[in-house]
Every structure is written in C-alpha cells, then in structure tokens.
Amino acid sequence: MMDASQIVDLDRYPIADIDDAPGRALVDACRRDLDELALCTLPGFIRPEVLPALLAEAQALVPKAYRNDNLRTPYGWMCNKSFSPGHPRSQVFRNRCGFVMADQFPGDGPIECMFRWDPLTDFVREALGCETLYRSACPHLSLNLGIEGEDDQLGWHFDTNDGHATPTQGPDPSFRPR
C-alpha cells in the first residue's frame, strides 16, 4: 500500500503539520479563499510522479462504475411537484455519468489511501473551520469516483453537506471513460 505522505506534495502543502507556522499559514490561506471565493484550489497538491498511479487506479475502476442517466431538480431530495413549471424548484437538469462507490475500491490503492489519511481529514476540517469533521462510514457512499465521458454531465444541484473536497485532474488523453 502506498503511504499517503508519498502522494501529497508536503513540501509545498504541509498538511501533516497544520499546527506549525507553514501549515497554519496554508490553512489560513485556504480558509480565506473559501470565505472570499467559496473555493480553494491547491495546484500540484498531488505529486506529479504519483499521478500515473492514481490515474491507473481510476482507469481500472471505470468498468465497475454504476451508470446514471436521468433528469433531476436542483433540490432532488425534496418534494418539488407542487411548484409551477417556471419555479426554480421545478427545473430539471440532465444527470448522466458514472460512479464508482467505496465498496468497489480495492482497499489498498492510492486513492483510498489518500482519502483515509487522518492528516488530510484534519486539514480539510481546519480549512473549512469546523470543530469536528468525520469521514463517512457508509460502505458505499464514503468514497466515490465520478466518471464522466463524452456527453456526460453531472446535473446542477444543491448538496446537503457542509463542504466537499474534490481532487481533480484535467483531461488526460490516456484516460478513457466508458
């Protein structure tokens, strides 16, 4: 199993030492970005030499993805039937994509290793300004990998959670969603 400290560029982003001055400065910068922009980006967070291993793991999981193709409202968890057709809660958006769920991961790959790394959870908690933050224990939803191929789209929606941490990688010509 790969060690998560080998995945994250800890020289650039000292998330394993958030109580030290450089780690505290990073947390403060992220919190400021979240407060001002509602978004925090960390270019190069994942070491470039490790990206091929993460992409290979993701590519191997693509065939296991649950496919979804439906229309949904931005408030999918609420009853929206009593609203007029022009009301925002009546609007529908295409939701066509795939998801690999936590129980489909191999258990020892780099993606799951990074996700389950306590210093990452602590860093995200601090950056979000939360007193406590727990990783989900759900055997299916605690970790997922979104798979979007050509013409796929994740329908616009509101999430009911307090925050979201999403490592993303731009298009890779060798990555082929199905």
Protein backbone atom coordinates (compact mmCIF):
# COMPACT_ATOMS: atom_id res chain seq x y z
CA MET A 1 0.00 0.00 0.00
CA MET A 2 1.29 3.44 -0.90
CA ASP A 3 1.73 5.83 2.01
CA ALA A 4 -0.41 8.97 1.67
CA SER A 5 2.56 11.15 2.60
CA GLN A 6 4.09 9.98 -0.71
CA ILE A 7 1.04 11.20 -2.64
CA VAL A 8 0.69 14.76 -1.35
CA ASP A 9 3.41 17.34 -2.00
CA LEU A 10 4.07 18.03 1.67
CA ASP A 11 6.93 20.42 0.90
CA ARG A 12 4.51 22.72 -0.92
CA TYR A 13 1.44 21.90 1.18
CA PRO A 14 2.46 20.95 4.76
CA ILE A 15 -0.91 19.47 5.71
CA ALA A 16 0.63 16.88 8.03
CA ASP A 17 1.86 19.68 10.33
CA ILE A 18 -1.05 22.15 10.47
CA ASP A 19 -0.03 23.33 13.94
CA ASP A 20 3.38 24.55 12.71
CA ALA A 21 3.70 28.04 11.17
CA PRO A 22 3.81 26.93 7.48
CA GLY A 23 0.86 24.57 7.98
CA ARG A 24 -1.12 27.23 9.82
CA ALA A 25 -0.40 29.73 7.03
CA LEU A 26 -1.71 27.23 4.47
CA VAL A 27 -4.88 26.62 6.49
CA ASP A 28 -5.41 30.37 6.88
CA ALA A 29 -4.92 30.96 3.14
CA CYS A 30 -7.39 28.18 2.29
CA ARG A 31 -9.95 29.47 4.77
CA ARG A 32 -9.57 32.99 3.35
CA ASP A 33 -10.12 31.66 -0.18
CA LEU A 34 -13.18 29.73 0.97
CA ASP A 35 -14.59 32.80 2.72
CA GLU A 36 -13.96 35.11 -0.23
CA LEU A 37 -14.41 32.78 -3.21
CA ALA A 38 -16.24 29.71 -1.82
CA LEU A 39 -13.44 27.71 -3.44
CA CYS A 40 -9.88 26.77 -2.62
CA THR A 41 -7.52 25.37 -5.22
CA LEU A 42 -4.20 23.72 -4.49
CA PRO A 43 -2.32 23.26 -7.78
CA GLY A 44 0.24 20.48 -7.59
CA PHE A 45 -1.26 19.10 -4.36
CA ILE A 46 -0.74 15.59 -5.66
CA ARG A 47 2.88 14.90 -6.59
CA PRO A 48 3.23 14.72 -10.40
CA GLU A 49 5.20 11.47 -10.22
CA VAL A 50 2.28 9.82 -8.36
CA LEU A 51 -0.46 10.96 -10.75
CA PRO A 52 0.07 8.00 -13.12
CA ALA A 53 -0.62 5.55 -10.27
CA LEU A 54 -3.81 7.39 -9.28
CA LEU A 55 -4.97 7.62 -12.89
CA ALA A 56 -4.20 3.92 -13.44
CA GLU A 57 -6.27 3.01 -10.39
CA ALA A 58 -9.13 5.19 -11.61
CA GLN A 59 -8.92 3.73 -15.11
CA ALA A 60 -9.07 0.19 -13.72
CA LEU A 61 -12.22 1.08 -11.78
CA VAL A 62 -14.10 2.63 -14.74
CA PRO A 63 -15.71 -0.67 -15.86
CA LYS A 64 -17.20 -1.07 -12.36
CA ALA A 65 -18.98 2.30 -12.44
CA TYR A 66 -22.71 2.46 -11.85
CA ARG A 67 -24.16 4.43 -14.75
CA ASN A 68 -26.84 7.02 -14.18
CA ASP A 69 -28.91 8.80 -16.81
CA ASN A 70 -31.88 10.78 -15.59
CA LEU A 71 -33.32 14.24 -15.11
CA ARG A 72 -33.36 15.78 -11.67
CA THR A 73 -34.15 19.03 -9.98
CA PRO A 74 -31.52 21.01 -8.05
CA TYR A 75 -33.46 20.02 -4.91
CA GLY A 76 -33.71 16.31 -5.65
CA TRP A 77 -34.18 15.25 -2.03
CA MET A 78 -37.29 17.45 -1.61
CA CYS A 79 -40.78 17.11 -2.99
CA ASN A 80 -40.92 19.60 -5.86
CA LYS A 81 -44.24 18.62 -7.50
CA SER A 82 -46.36 21.48 -6.12
CA PHE A 83 -44.28 24.24 -7.75
CA SER A 84 -45.24 25.93 -11.01
CA PRO A 85 -43.29 24.94 -14.14
CA GLY A 86 -41.35 28.25 -14.10
CA HIS A 87 -40.26 27.97 -10.47
CA PRO A 88 -36.56 27.14 -9.87
CA ARG A 89 -37.53 24.04 -7.88
CA SER A 90 -39.33 22.66 -10.95
CA GLN A 91 -36.36 22.97 -13.30
CA VAL A 92 -34.73 19.74 -14.36
CA PHE A 93 -31.17 19.06 -15.42
CA ARG A 94 -29.63 16.08 -17.16
CA ASN A 95 -27.65 13.83 -14.83
CA ARG A 96 -25.67 11.37 -16.93
CA CYS A 97 -22.44 9.97 -15.52
CA GLY A 98 -20.93 7.05 -13.69
CA PHE A 99 -19.89 6.50 -10.09
CA VAL A 100 -17.53 4.01 -8.52
CA MET A 101 -18.59 3.51 -4.91
CA ALA A 102 -16.41 2.88 -1.85
CA ASP A 103 -17.06 -0.87 -1.75
CA GLN A 104 -15.73 -1.20 -5.31
CA PHE A 105 -12.26 0.17 -4.49
CA PRO A 106 -9.54 -2.45 -3.95
CA GLY A 107 -8.89 -1.38 -0.33
CA ASP A 108 -5.18 -0.76 -0.73
CA GLY A 109 -4.91 1.61 -3.69
CA PRO A 110 -3.55 5.15 -3.61
CA ILE A 111 -6.93 6.90 -3.95
CA GLU A 112 -8.41 5.21 -0.90
CA CYS A 113 -5.11 5.53 0.97
CA MET A 114 -5.17 9.31 0.49
CA PHE A 115 -8.85 9.58 1.36
CA ARG A 116 -8.46 7.68 4.63
CA TRP A 117 -5.35 9.60 5.73
CA ASP A 118 -6.06 11.37 9.03
CA PRO A 119 -3.86 14.43 8.28
CA LEU A 120 -5.92 15.10 5.14
CA THR A 121 -9.17 14.94 7.13
CA ASP A 122 -7.69 17.25 9.78
CA PHE A 123 -6.51 19.71 7.13
CA VAL A 124 -9.93 19.81 5.45
CA ARG A 125 -11.60 20.25 8.86
CA GLU A 126 -9.33 23.18 9.68
CA ALA A 127 -9.69 24.74 6.23
CA LEU A 128 -13.49 24.53 6.50
CA GLY A 129 -13.35 25.99 10.02
CA CYS A 130 -15.20 23.02 11.51
CA GLU A 131 -14.76 21.98 15.11
CA THR A 132 -15.19 18.34 14.13
CA LEU A 133 -15.18 16.52 10.82
CA TYR A 134 -15.65 12.81 10.30
CA ARG A 135 -15.21 10.70 7.22
CA SER A 136 -18.40 8.91 6.33
CA ALA A 137 -18.59 5.30 7.49
CA CYS A 138 -21.08 4.37 4.76
CA PRO A 139 -19.72 1.30 2.94
CA HIS A 140 -20.99 2.69 -0.38
CA LEU A 141 -21.04 6.49 -0.24
CA SER A 142 -17.99 7.23 1.94
CA LEU A 143 -15.77 7.48 -1.13
CA ASN A 144 -16.74 7.76 -4.75
CA LEU A 145 -15.09 8.34 -8.06
CA GLY A 146 -17.09 10.32 -10.60
CA ILE A 147 -16.72 9.08 -14.16
CA GLU A 148 -17.75 11.43 -16.93
CA GLY A 149 -17.28 10.52 -20.55
CA GLU A 150 -18.07 12.46 -23.67
CA ASP A 151 -21.58 13.97 -23.47
CA ASP A 152 -21.88 13.08 -19.78
CA GLN A 153 -22.83 15.76 -17.29
CA LEU A 154 -23.49 15.99 -13.59
CA GLY A 155 -26.82 17.79 -13.27
CA TRP A 156 -26.67 21.09 -11.41
CA HIS A 157 -27.86 20.61 -7.84
CA PHE A 158 -27.50 21.71 -4.25
CA ASP A 159 -25.66 19.39 -1.92
CA THR A 160 -26.87 18.95 1.63
CA ASN A 161 -23.41 18.59 3.11
CA ASP A 162 -21.30 21.31 4.71
CA GLY A 163 -18.33 21.00 2.40
CA HIS A 164 -16.80 18.98 -0.35
CA ALA A 165 -13.18 18.10 -1.08
CA THR A 166 -12.58 17.03 -4.65
CA PRO A 167 -9.20 16.24 -6.08
CA THR A 168 -9.45 16.82 -9.81
CA GLN A 169 -7.14 16.22 -12.71
CA GLY A 170 -7.54 17.85 -16.08
CA PRO A 171 -8.15 15.79 -19.19
CA ASP A 172 -5.63 13.01 -19.70
CA PRO A 173 -5.56 11.57 -23.22
CA SER A 174 -4.93 8.08 -21.86
CA PHE A 175 -7.99 8.13 -19.58
CA ARG A 176 -10.99 6.64 -21.38
CA PRO A 177 -14.33 6.69 -19.52
CA ARG A 178 -16.88 4.26 -20.86
